[in-house]
C-alpha atoms as a PDB file:
ATOM      1  CA  UNK A   1      -8.089 -59.660 190.967  1.00  0.00           C
ATOM      2  CA  UNK A   2      -4.558 -60.298 190.584  1.00  0.00           C
ATOM      3  CA  UNK A   3      -2.608 -61.155 193.750  1.00  0.00           C
ATOM      4  CA  UNK A   4       0.666 -62.864 194.868  1.00  0.00           C
ATOM      5  CA  UNK A   5      -0.743 -65.766 196.997  1.00  0.00           C
ATOM      6  CA  UNK A   6      -1.379 -68.651 195.514  1.00  0.00           C
ATOM      7  CA  UNK A   7      -4.295 -70.790 195.754  1.00  0.00           C
ATOM      8  CA  UNK A   8      -3.502 -73.426 197.822  1.00  0.00           C
ATOM      9  CA  UNK A   9      -2.030 -70.430 200.178  1.00  0.00           C
ATOM     10  CA  UNK A  10      -4.948 -67.698 200.078  1.00  0.00           C
ATOM     11  CA  UNK A  11      -7.368 -70.740 200.702  1.00  0.00           C
ATOM     12  CA  UNK A  12      -4.844 -71.812 204.198  1.00  0.00           C
ATOM     13  CA  UNK A  13      -4.565 -68.694 204.955  1.00  0.00           C
ATOM     14  CA  UNK A  14      -8.136 -67.403 204.980  1.00  0.00           C
ATOM     15  CA  UNK A  15      -9.473 -71.110 206.106  1.00  0.00           C
ATOM     16  CA  UNK A  16      -7.137 -70.449 209.549  1.00  0.00           C
ATOM     17  CA  UNK A  17      -8.086 -66.938 209.800  1.00  0.00           C
ATOM     18  CA  UNK A  18     -12.226 -68.437 209.763  1.00  0.00           C
ATOM     19  CA  UNK A  19     -11.958 -70.899 212.617  1.00  0.00           C
ATOM     20  CA  UNK A  20      -9.538 -68.707 214.754  1.00  0.00           C
ATOM     21  CA  UNK A  21     -12.666 -66.251 214.288  1.00  0.00           C
ATOM     22  CA  UNK A  22     -14.943 -69.026 215.647  1.00  0.00           C
ATOM     23  CA  UNK A  23     -16.907 -70.265 212.566  1.00  0.00           C
ATOM     24  CA  UNK A  24     -16.509 -73.842 213.261  1.00  0.00           C
ATOM     25  CA  UNK A  25     -19.946 -74.241 213.584  1.00  0.00           C
ATOM     26  CA  UNK A  26     -20.994 -73.883 209.848  1.00  0.00           C
ATOM     27  CA  UNK A  27     -17.159 -75.360 209.029  1.00  0.00           C
ATOM     28  CA  UNK A  28     -14.587 -72.924 207.543  1.00  0.00           C
ATOM     29  CA  UNK A  29     -14.216 -74.350 204.191  1.00  0.00           C
ATOM     30  CA  UNK A  30     -17.758 -74.897 203.811  1.00  0.00           C
ATOM     31  CA  UNK A  31     -18.677 -70.883 205.406  1.00  0.00           C
ATOM     32  CA  UNK A  32     -15.914 -69.075 202.112  1.00  0.00           C
ATOM     33  CA  UNK A  33     -16.881 -71.155 199.508  1.00  0.00           C
ATOM     34  CA  UNK A  34     -20.696 -72.462 200.216  1.00  0.00           C
ATOM     35  CA  UNK A  35     -22.227 -70.049 202.173  1.00  0.00           C
ATOM     36  CA  UNK A  36     -21.190 -65.891 202.533  1.00  0.00           C
ATOM     37  CA  UNK A  37     -20.396 -65.818 198.575  1.00  0.00           C
ATOM     38  CA  UNK A  38     -24.735 -66.545 197.979  1.00  0.00           C
ATOM     39  CA  UNK A  39     -25.797 -63.803 200.797  1.00  0.00           C
ATOM     40  CA  UNK A  40     -25.619 -61.395 198.646  1.00  0.00           C
ATOM     41  CA  UNK A  41     -26.619 -57.845 200.818  1.00  0.00           C
ATOM     42  CA  UNK A  42     -28.330 -55.005 199.885  1.00  0.00           C
ATOM     43  CA  UNK A  43     -26.536 -52.079 201.235  1.00  0.00           C
ATOM     44  CA  UNK A  44     -29.025 -48.697 201.599  1.00  0.00           C
ATOM     45  CA  UNK A  45     -27.312 -45.536 201.057  1.00  0.00           C
ATOM     46  CA  UNK A  46     -29.093 -42.026 201.133  1.00  0.00           C
ATOM     47  CA  UNK A  47     -26.451 -39.458 199.055  1.00  0.00           C
ATOM     48  CA  UNK A  48     -26.676 -35.986 198.368  1.00  0.00           C
ATOM     49  CA  UNK A  49     -25.704 -34.703 194.759  1.00  0.00           C
ATOM     50  CA  UNK A  50     -24.126 -31.873 193.190  1.00  0.00           C
ATOM     51  CA  UNK A  51     -26.812 -30.161 191.488  1.00  0.00           C
ATOM     52  CA  UNK A  52     -29.567 -32.257 191.529  1.00  0.00           C
ATOM     53  CA  UNK A  53     -32.947 -30.889 189.615  1.00  0.00           C
ATOM     54  CA  UNK A  54     -36.055 -30.645 192.122  1.00  0.00           C
ATOM     55  CA  UNK A  55     -37.837 -32.866 190.732  1.00  0.00           C
ATOM     56  CA  UNK A  56     -35.442 -35.669 191.085  1.00  0.00           C
ATOM     57  CA  UNK A  57     -34.622 -35.449 194.331  1.00  0.00           C
ATOM     58  CA  UNK A  58     -35.060 -39.160 196.424  1.00  0.00           C
ATOM     59  CA  UNK A  59     -34.650 -40.520 192.652  1.00  0.00           C
ATOM     60  CA  UNK A  60     -33.405 -44.548 193.004  1.00  0.00           C
ATOM     61  CA  UNK A  61     -30.338 -45.870 192.143  1.00  0.00           C
ATOM     62  CA  UNK A  62     -29.490 -49.698 192.163  1.00  0.00           C
ATOM     63  CA  UNK A  63     -26.421 -50.935 191.650  1.00  0.00           C
ATOM     64  CA  UNK A  64     -25.125 -54.299 190.733  1.00  0.00           C
ATOM     65  CA  UNK A  65     -21.308 -55.267 189.503  1.00  0.00           C
ATOM     66  CA  UNK A  66     -18.949 -57.687 188.731  1.00  0.00           C
ATOM     67  CA  UNK A  67     -20.439 -61.069 187.851  1.00  0.00           C
ATOM     68  CA  UNK A  68     -18.284 -63.273 186.280  1.00  0.00           C
ATOM     69  CA  UNK A  69     -20.610 -65.462 184.716  1.00  0.00           C
ATOM     70  CA  UNK A  70     -19.333 -68.709 183.684  1.00  0.00           C
ATOM     71  CA  UNK A  71     -16.418 -68.979 186.500  1.00  0.00           C
ATOM     72  CA  UNK A  72     -18.181 -69.341 190.131  1.00  0.00           C
ATOM     73  CA  UNK A  73     -21.453 -67.655 188.844  1.00  0.00           C
ATOM     74  CA  UNK A  74     -24.123 -69.367 186.992  1.00  0.00           C
ATOM     75  CA  UNK A  75     -27.318 -68.523 185.005  1.00  0.00           C
ATOM     76  CA  UNK A  76     -29.375 -69.345 187.763  1.00  0.00           C
ATOM     77  CA  UNK A  77     -28.105 -67.781 190.305  1.00  0.00           C
ATOM     78  CA  UNK A  78     -27.536 -64.097 188.220  1.00  0.00           C
ATOM     79  CA  UNK A  79     -31.840 -64.489 187.900  1.00  0.00           C
ATOM     80  CA  UNK A  80     -32.080 -64.979 191.732  1.00  0.00           C
ATOM     81  CA  UNK A  81     -29.719 -61.889 191.770  1.00  0.00           C
ATOM     82  CA  UNK A  82     -32.216 -59.964 189.111  1.00  0.00           C
ATOM     83  CA  UNK A  83     -35.304 -60.670 191.111  1.00  0.00           C
ATOM     84  CA  UNK A  84     -33.834 -59.043 194.401  1.00  0.00           C
ATOM     85  CA  UNK A  85     -32.766 -56.259 192.341  1.00  0.00           C
ATOM     86  CA  UNK A  86     -35.552 -55.707 191.113  1.00  0.00           C
ATOM     87  CA  UNK A  87     -38.329 -55.826 194.105  1.00  0.00           C
ATOM     88  CA  UNK A  88     -35.913 -52.570 195.237  1.00  0.00           C
ATOM     89  CA  UNK A  89     -37.989 -51.045 192.534  1.00  0.00           C
ATOM     90  CA  UNK A  90     -34.984 -48.918 191.480  1.00  0.00           C
ATOM     91  CA  UNK A  91     -36.036 -45.687 189.302  1.00  0.00           C
ATOM     92  CA  UNK A  92     -32.826 -46.135 187.276  1.00  0.00           C
ATOM     93  CA  UNK A  93     -30.173 -49.303 187.614  1.00  0.00           C
ATOM     94  CA  UNK A  94     -26.921 -49.970 186.629  1.00  0.00           C
ATOM     95  CA  UNK A  95     -24.385 -52.458 185.940  1.00  0.00           C
ATOM     96  CA  UNK A  96     -20.445 -51.942 186.635  1.00  0.00           C
ATOM     97  CA  UNK A  97     -18.774 -53.980 184.106  1.00  0.00           C
ATOM     98  CA  UNK A  98     -17.398 -57.612 184.354  1.00  0.00           C
ATOM     99  CA  UNK A  99     -20.343 -59.572 183.506  1.00  0.00           C
ATOM    100  CA  UNK A 100     -18.333 -62.950 182.929  1.00  0.00           C
ATOM    101  CA  UNK A 101     -14.407 -64.292 182.988  1.00  0.00           C
ATOM    102  CA  UNK A 102     -14.248 -66.769 180.101  1.00  0.00           C
ATOM    103  CA  UNK A 103     -16.780 -67.843 177.669  1.00  0.00           C
ATOM    104  CA  UNK A 104     -18.659 -71.233 176.849  1.00  0.00           C
ATOM    105  CA  UNK A 105     -20.836 -72.567 174.957  1.00  0.00           C
ATOM    106  CA  UNK A 106     -23.855 -70.248 176.145  1.00  0.00           C
ATOM    107  CA  UNK A 107     -22.262 -67.300 177.912  1.00  0.00           C
ATOM    108  CA  UNK A 108     -22.983 -64.867 175.811  1.00  0.00           C
ATOM    109  CA  UNK A 109     -26.758 -66.086 175.863  1.00  0.00           C
ATOM    110  CA  UNK A 110     -26.422 -66.422 179.597  1.00  0.00           C
ATOM    111  CA  UNK A 111     -25.277 -62.672 179.726  1.00  0.00           C
ATOM    112  CA  UNK A 112     -28.788 -61.588 177.769  1.00  0.00           C
ATOM    113  CA  UNK A 113     -30.543 -63.562 179.735  1.00  0.00           C
ATOM    114  CA  UNK A 114     -29.598 -62.795 182.998  1.00  0.00           C
ATOM    115  CA  UNK A 115     -29.839 -58.575 181.708  1.00  0.00           C
ATOM    116  CA  UNK A 116     -33.388 -59.258 179.975  1.00  0.00           C
ATOM    117  CA  UNK A 117     -34.357 -60.011 183.694  1.00  0.00           C
ATOM    118  CA  UNK A 118     -33.132 -56.684 185.518  1.00  0.00           C
ATOM    119  CA  UNK A 119     -36.078 -54.012 185.198  1.00  0.00           C
ATOM    120  CA  UNK A 120     -36.406 -49.958 186.646  1.00  0.00           C
ATOM    121  CA  UNK A 121     -38.767 -47.546 186.094  1.00  0.00           C
ATOM    122  CA  UNK A 122     -36.769 -44.855 183.768  1.00  0.00           C
ATOM    123  CA  UNK A 123     -33.559 -47.180 183.232  1.00  0.00           C
ATOM    124  CA  UNK A 124     -31.055 -49.724 182.866  1.00  0.00           C
ATOM    125  CA  UNK A 125     -27.375 -48.903 181.948  1.00  0.00           C
ATOM    126  CA  UNK A 126     -24.330 -50.854 182.057  1.00  0.00           C
ATOM    127  CA  UNK A 127     -20.587 -50.590 180.782  1.00  0.00           C
ATOM    128  CA  UNK A 128     -17.740 -52.632 179.693  1.00  0.00           C
ATOM    129  CA  UNK A 129     -15.363 -53.941 182.491  1.00  0.00           C
ATOM    130  CA  UNK A 130     -11.216 -55.494 182.489  1.00  0.00           C
ATOM    131  CA  UNK A 131     -12.494 -59.775 182.097  1.00  0.00           C
ATOM    132  CA  UNK A 132     -15.102 -57.980 179.181  1.00  0.00           C
ATOM    133  CA  UNK A 133     -11.398 -56.791 177.688  1.00  0.00           C
ATOM    134  CA  UNK A 134      -9.489 -59.810 177.643  1.00  0.00           C
ATOM    135  CA  UNK A 135     -12.421 -61.692 176.822  1.00  0.00           C
ATOM    136  CA  UNK A 136     -14.149 -59.944 173.383  1.00  0.00           C
ATOM    137  CA  UNK A 137     -15.468 -56.472 174.484  1.00  0.00           C
ATOM    138  CA  UNK A 138     -17.314 -56.460 171.152  1.00  0.00           C
ATOM    139  CA  UNK A 139     -19.523 -59.764 172.088  1.00  0.00           C
ATOM    140  CA  UNK A 140     -19.847 -58.721 175.580  1.00  0.00           C
ATOM    141  CA  UNK A 141     -21.107 -55.680 174.184  1.00  0.00           C
ATOM    142  CA  UNK A 142     -23.591 -57.672 171.754  1.00  0.00           C
ATOM    143  CA  UNK A 143     -25.048 -60.107 174.206  1.00  0.00           C
ATOM    144  CA  UNK A 144     -25.651 -56.687 176.269  1.00  0.00           C
ATOM    145  CA  UNK A 145     -27.128 -54.828 173.527  1.00  0.00           C
ATOM    146  CA  UNK A 146     -29.487 -57.876 172.691  1.00  0.00           C
ATOM    147  CA  UNK A 147     -31.302 -56.761 176.128  1.00  0.00           C
ATOM    148  CA  UNK A 148     -33.365 -54.461 174.566  1.00  0.00           C
ATOM    149  CA  UNK A 149     -33.973 -52.403 178.424  1.00  0.00           C
ATOM    150  CA  UNK A 150     -30.140 -51.677 178.295  1.00  0.00           C
ATOM    151  CA  UNK A 151     -28.272 -49.328 177.071  1.00  0.00           C
ATOM    152  CA  UNK A 152     -24.584 -49.275 176.974  1.00  0.00           C
ATOM    153  CA  UNK A 153     -22.309 -46.859 177.800  1.00  0.00           C
ATOM    154  CA  UNK A 154     -19.570 -47.060 175.627  1.00  0.00           C
ATOM    155  CA  UNK A 155     -17.859 -43.325 176.603  1.00  0.00           C
ATOM    156  CA  UNK A 156     -21.228 -41.727 175.971  1.00  0.00           C
ATOM    157  CA  UNK A 157     -23.832 -40.601 177.885  1.00  0.00           C
ATOM    158  CA  UNK A 158     -27.508 -40.424 178.858  1.00  0.00           C
ATOM    159  CA  UNK A 159     -29.460 -37.283 180.190  1.00  0.00           C
ATOM    160  CA  UNK A 160     -32.701 -38.331 181.865  1.00  0.00           C
ATOM    161  CA  UNK A 161     -35.225 -35.682 181.656  1.00  0.00           C
ATOM    162  CA  UNK A 162     -38.388 -34.644 184.524  1.00  0.00           C
ATOM    163  CA  UNK A 163     -40.500 -31.851 183.212  1.00  0.00           C
ATOM    164  CA  UNK A 164     -37.480 -29.172 182.321  1.00  0.00           C
ATOM    165  CA  UNK A 165     -35.052 -30.646 185.055  1.00  0.00           C
ATOM    166  CA  UNK A 166     -32.345 -32.921 183.746  1.00  0.00           C
ATOM    167  CA  UNK A 167     -29.858 -35.792 185.088  1.00  0.00           C
ATOM    168  CA  UNK A 168     -26.896 -36.654 183.471  1.00  0.00           C
ATOM    169  CA  UNK A 169     -25.291 -40.303 183.539  1.00  0.00           C
ATOM    170  CA  UNK A 170     -22.010 -40.926 181.608  1.00  0.00           C
ATOM    171  CA  UNK A 171     -19.960 -44.052 181.635  1.00  0.00           C
ATOM    172  CA  UNK A 172     -16.479 -44.603 179.787  1.00  0.00           C
ATOM    173  CA  UNK A 173     -15.422 -47.746 178.671  1.00  0.00           C
ATOM    174  CA  UNK A 174     -12.385 -49.876 180.738  1.00  0.00           C
ATOM    175  CA  UNK A 175      -9.348 -47.613 182.418  1.00  0.00           C
ATOM    176  CA  UNK A 176      -7.135 -50.806 182.477  1.00  0.00           C
ATOM    177  CA  UNK A 177      -7.065 -51.167 178.985  1.00  0.00           C
ATOM    178  CA  UNK A 178      -6.826 -47.857 178.336  1.00  0.00           C
ATOM    179  CA  UNK A 179     -10.055 -47.534 176.685  1.00  0.00           C
ATOM    180  CA  UNK A 180     -11.739 -44.976 178.700  1.00  0.00           C
ATOM    181  CA  UNK A 181     -12.290 -41.219 177.101  1.00  0.00           C
ATOM    182  CA  UNK A 182     -13.848 -39.145 180.476  1.00  0.00           C
ATOM    183  CA  UNK A 183     -13.944 -35.658 177.990  1.00  0.00           C
ATOM    184  CA  UNK A 184     -15.789 -37.793 175.074  1.00  0.00           C
ATOM    185  CA  UNK A 185     -17.937 -39.048 177.901  1.00  0.00           C
ATOM    186  CA  UNK A 186     -19.287 -35.712 179.203  1.00  0.00           C
ATOM    187  CA  UNK A 187     -18.922 -33.815 175.879  1.00  0.00           C
ATOM    188  CA  UNK A 188     -22.187 -31.754 174.947  1.00  0.00           C
ATOM    189  CA  UNK A 189     -23.408 -31.791 179.294  1.00  0.00           C
ATOM    190  CA  UNK A 190     -23.669 -28.838 180.620  1.00  0.00           C
ATOM    191  CA  UNK A 191     -21.249 -26.970 183.239  1.00  0.00           C
ATOM    192  CA  UNK A 192     -22.818 -27.158 186.355  1.00  0.00           C
ATOM    193  CA  UNK A 193     -25.687 -29.881 185.589  1.00  0.00           C
ATOM    194  CA  UNK A 194     -25.838 -33.207 187.943  1.00  0.00           C
ATOM    195  CA  UNK A 195     -23.744 -35.616 186.582  1.00  0.00           C
ATOM    196  CA  UNK A 196     -23.017 -39.686 187.717  1.00  0.00           C
ATOM    197  CA  UNK A 197     -19.943 -41.363 186.260  1.00  0.00           C
ATOM    198  CA  UNK A 198     -20.168 -45.163 185.993  1.00  0.00           C
ATOM    199  CA  UNK A 199     -16.329 -46.451 185.655  1.00  0.00           C
ATOM    200  CA  UNK A 200     -15.328 -50.067 186.418  1.00  0.00           C
ATOM    201  CA  UNK A 201     -11.978 -49.507 188.380  1.00  0.00           C
ATOM    202  CA  UNK A 202     -12.254 -47.623 191.361  1.00  0.00           C
ATOM    203  CA  UNK A 203      -9.247 -45.803 191.827  1.00  0.00           C
ATOM    204  CA  UNK A 204      -9.646 -43.796 188.382  1.00  0.00           C
ATOM    205  CA  UNK A 205     -11.303 -41.809 190.794  1.00  0.00           C
ATOM    206  CA  UNK A 206      -8.757 -39.673 191.503  1.00  0.00           C
ATOM    207  CA  UNK A 207      -8.837 -38.452 187.828  1.00  0.00           C
ATOM    208  CA  UNK A 208     -12.365 -38.132 187.532  1.00  0.00           C
ATOM    209  CA  UNK A 209     -12.580 -35.732 190.698  1.00  0.00           C
ATOM    210  CA  UNK A 210      -9.552 -33.454 188.801  1.00  0.00           C
ATOM    211  CA  UNK A 211     -12.378 -32.621 185.951  1.00  0.00           C
ATOM    212  CA  UNK A 212     -14.659 -31.379 188.925  1.00  0.00           C
ATOM    213  CA  UNK A 213     -17.481 -32.091 186.419  1.00  0.00           C
ATOM    214  CA  UNK A 214     -19.032 -35.392 188.042  1.00  0.00           C
ATOM    215  CA  UNK A 215     -20.510 -35.355 191.281  1.00  0.00           C
ATOM    216  CA  UNK A 216     -20.351 -39.073 191.755  1.00  0.00           C
ATOM    217  CA  UNK A 217     -18.865 -41.962 190.651  1.00  0.00           C
ATOM    218  CA  UNK A 218     -19.933 -45.846 190.532  1.00  0.00           C
ATOM    219  CA  UNK A 219     -17.818 -48.342 190.512  1.00  0.00           C
ATOM    220  CA  UNK A 220     -17.190 -51.984 191.521  1.00  0.00           C
ATOM    221  CA  UNK A 221     -14.041 -54.174 190.562  1.00  0.00           C
ATOM    222  CA  UNK A 222     -12.853 -54.768 193.825  1.00  0.00           C
ATOM    223  CA  UNK A 223     -15.019 -57.453 194.239  1.00  0.00           C
ATOM    224  CA  UNK A 224     -14.160 -55.561 197.798  1.00  0.00           C
ATOM    225  CA  UNK A 225     -11.001 -58.060 198.144  1.00  0.00           C
ATOM    226  CA  UNK A 226     -12.921 -61.346 198.491  1.00  0.00           C
ATOM    227  CA  UNK A 227     -11.681 -61.640 201.670  1.00  0.00           C
ATOM    228  CA  UNK A 228     -10.960 -59.120 204.232  1.00  0.00           C
ATOM    229  CA  UNK A 229      -9.739 -60.034 207.960  1.00  0.00           C
ATOM    230  CA  UNK A 230     -10.233 -57.278 211.045  1.00  0.00           C
ATOM    231  CA  UNK A 231      -7.884 -55.182 212.102  1.00  0.00           C
ATOM    232  CA  UNK A 232      -5.916 -56.178 208.377  1.00  0.00           C
ATOM    233  CA  UNK A 233      -8.982 -54.908 205.652  1.00  0.00           C
ATOM    234  CA  UNK A 234      -8.551 -57.007 201.942  1.00  0.00           C
ATOM    235  CA  UNK A 235      -5.947 -59.522 201.940  1.00  0.00           C
ATOM    236  CA  UNK A 236      -5.162 -59.167 197.645  1.00  0.00           C
ATOM    237  CA  UNK A 237      -6.857 -56.380 195.977  1.00  0.00           C
ATOM    238  CA  UNK A 238      -6.286 -56.061 192.149  1.00  0.00           C
ATOM    239  CA  UNK A 239      -4.598 -52.493 189.960  1.00  0.00           C
ATOM    240  CA  UNK A 240      -6.625 -49.873 190.664  1.00  0.00           C
ATOM    241  CA  UNK A 241      -8.734 -51.636 192.574  1.00  0.00           C
ATOM    242  CA  UNK A 242      -6.294 -51.034 195.515  1.00  0.00           C
ATOM    243  CA  UNK A 243      -6.574 -46.939 196.997  1.00  0.00           C
ATOM    244  CA  UNK A 244     -10.812 -47.098 196.564  1.00  0.00           C
ATOM    245  CA  UNK A 245     -11.413 -50.877 197.592  1.00  0.00           C
ATOM    246  CA  UNK A 246     -14.772 -50.809 199.365  1.00  0.00           C
ATOM    247  CA  UNK A 247     -18.170 -48.510 200.069  1.00  0.00           C
ATOM    248  CA  UNK A 248     -17.965 -44.760 200.318  1.00  0.00           C
ATOM    249  CA  UNK A 249     -15.116 -42.450 199.725  1.00  0.00           C
ATOM    250  CA  UNK A 250     -14.959 -39.002 199.253  1.00  0.00           C
ATOM    251  CA  UNK A 251     -12.267 -37.813 196.666  1.00  0.00           C
ATOM    252  CA  UNK A 252     -11.965 -33.676 196.360  1.00  0.00           C
ATOM    253  CA  UNK A 253     -15.288 -32.527 196.065  1.00  0.00           C
ATOM    254  CA  UNK A 254     -17.153 -35.575 194.251  1.00  0.00           C
ATOM    255  CA  UNK A 255     -18.543 -38.847 196.071  1.00  0.00           C
ATOM    256  CA  UNK A 256     -17.240 -41.952 195.067  1.00  0.00           C
ATOM    257  CA  UNK A 257     -18.759 -45.439 195.620  1.00  0.00           C
ATOM    258  CA  UNK A 258     -16.973 -49.107 195.247  1.00  0.00           C
ATOM    259  CA  UNK A 259     -19.477 -51.959 194.985  1.00  0.00           C
ATOM    260  CA  UNK A 260     -18.233 -55.389 196.667  1.00  0.00           C
ATOM    261  CA  UNK A 261     -20.080 -56.632 193.181  1.00  0.00           C
ATOM    262  CA  UNK A 262     -22.003 -60.325 192.865  1.00  0.00           C
ATOM    263  CA  UNK A 263     -19.486 -62.828 191.825  1.00  0.00           C
ATOM    264  CA  UNK A 264     -16.343 -63.927 192.748  1.00  0.00           C
ATOM    265  CA  UNK A 265     -12.691 -64.376 191.172  1.00  0.00           C
ATOM    266  CA  UNK A 266     -10.712 -67.635 191.633  1.00  0.00           C
ATOM    267  CA  UNK A 267     -10.101 -68.296 194.221  1.00  0.00           C
ATOM    268  CA  UNK A 268     -13.640 -68.788 194.484  1.00  0.00           C
ATOM    269  CA  UNK A 269     -13.749 -67.372 198.335  1.00  0.00           C
ATOM    270  CA  UNK A 270     -15.601 -65.286 199.916  1.00  0.00           C
ATOM    271  CA  UNK A 271     -14.857 -63.942 204.004  1.00  0.00           C
ATOM    272  CA  UNK A 272     -16.593 -61.231 205.821  1.00  0.00           C
ATOM    273  CA  UNK A 273     -16.948 -60.054 202.282  1.00  0.00           C
ATOM    274  CA  UNK A 274     -20.367 -60.194 201.061  1.00  0.00           C
ATOM    275  CA  UNK A 275     -21.355 -60.019 197.908  1.00  0.00           C
ATOM    276  CA  UNK A 276     -23.498 -56.647 198.214  1.00  0.00           C
ATOM    277  CA  UNK A 277     -26.445 -54.388 195.786  1.00  0.00           C
ATOM    278  CA  UNK A 278     -26.683 -51.488 196.261  1.00  0.00           C
ATOM    279  CA  UNK A 279     -29.359 -49.212 196.403  1.00  0.00           C
ATOM    280  CA  UNK A 280     -28.611 -45.301 197.064  1.00  0.00           C
ATOM    281  CA  UNK A 281     -31.799 -42.689 197.184  1.00  0.00           C
ATOM    282  CA  UNK A 282     -30.266 -39.252 195.504  1.00  0.00           C
ATOM    283  CA  UNK A 283     -30.511 -36.014 197.216  1.00  0.00           C
ATOM    284  CA  UNK A 284     -30.454 -32.290 196.397  1.00  0.00           C
ATOM    285  CA  UNK A 285     -27.818 -30.241 198.231  1.00  0.00           C
END
């Protein structure tokens, strides 16, 4: 995330808003710094996916995004989140980038241990985000790759097969850092196929929708703004996460979902914007 508010001014603004909305029973600062950031919500959605073959009708997919290890997020909390996601028993599990904020002596091992804790019936897939590149994309990719259950998609795709039917899941590398290559990610996928795209920054959806190749795009990046005020929305949103900052959108003929993430960036507060795991059930149109 990025913005013009200083940490002190941000906390003062948010704390005042919380108090004004009656959160004093718990304590405004305690709520936004200690309570809400821990309340990981599972959002359930049933979505149609264009060209989804009959064999995949009802397939389930779980999305987790924006861990930001080594800032506020700890290994122990990530393992709790993995348990929560695994309880959903998804067919597919996807991670949409920003595994860490900065690295310490154990950070890369923590990525591998966390990633290894997630399970899915058919496939666990991941992409990188801008913070992964700002730290060390090669080391993050190596840490993710050490989790033998995971496929990292860097401008490429996988195909899931059930009988004679196919579902394609593609992933682009980070858009902010101009590492994305949509044509390469989709290369070899037959026209009129069912395609899901993982792309960290949600505002990239405008470009993706023009391709007419993707039915569903899953993103993160914005954290939903971390703080959302009634009638105002997010106080601060990042570059490429401002137009589609949270939730479900229709962009042309494509569906976009922006996940609020499970981690945070400084200032490490959340208000009216709980961390999120998203559970999708996909239906044939």
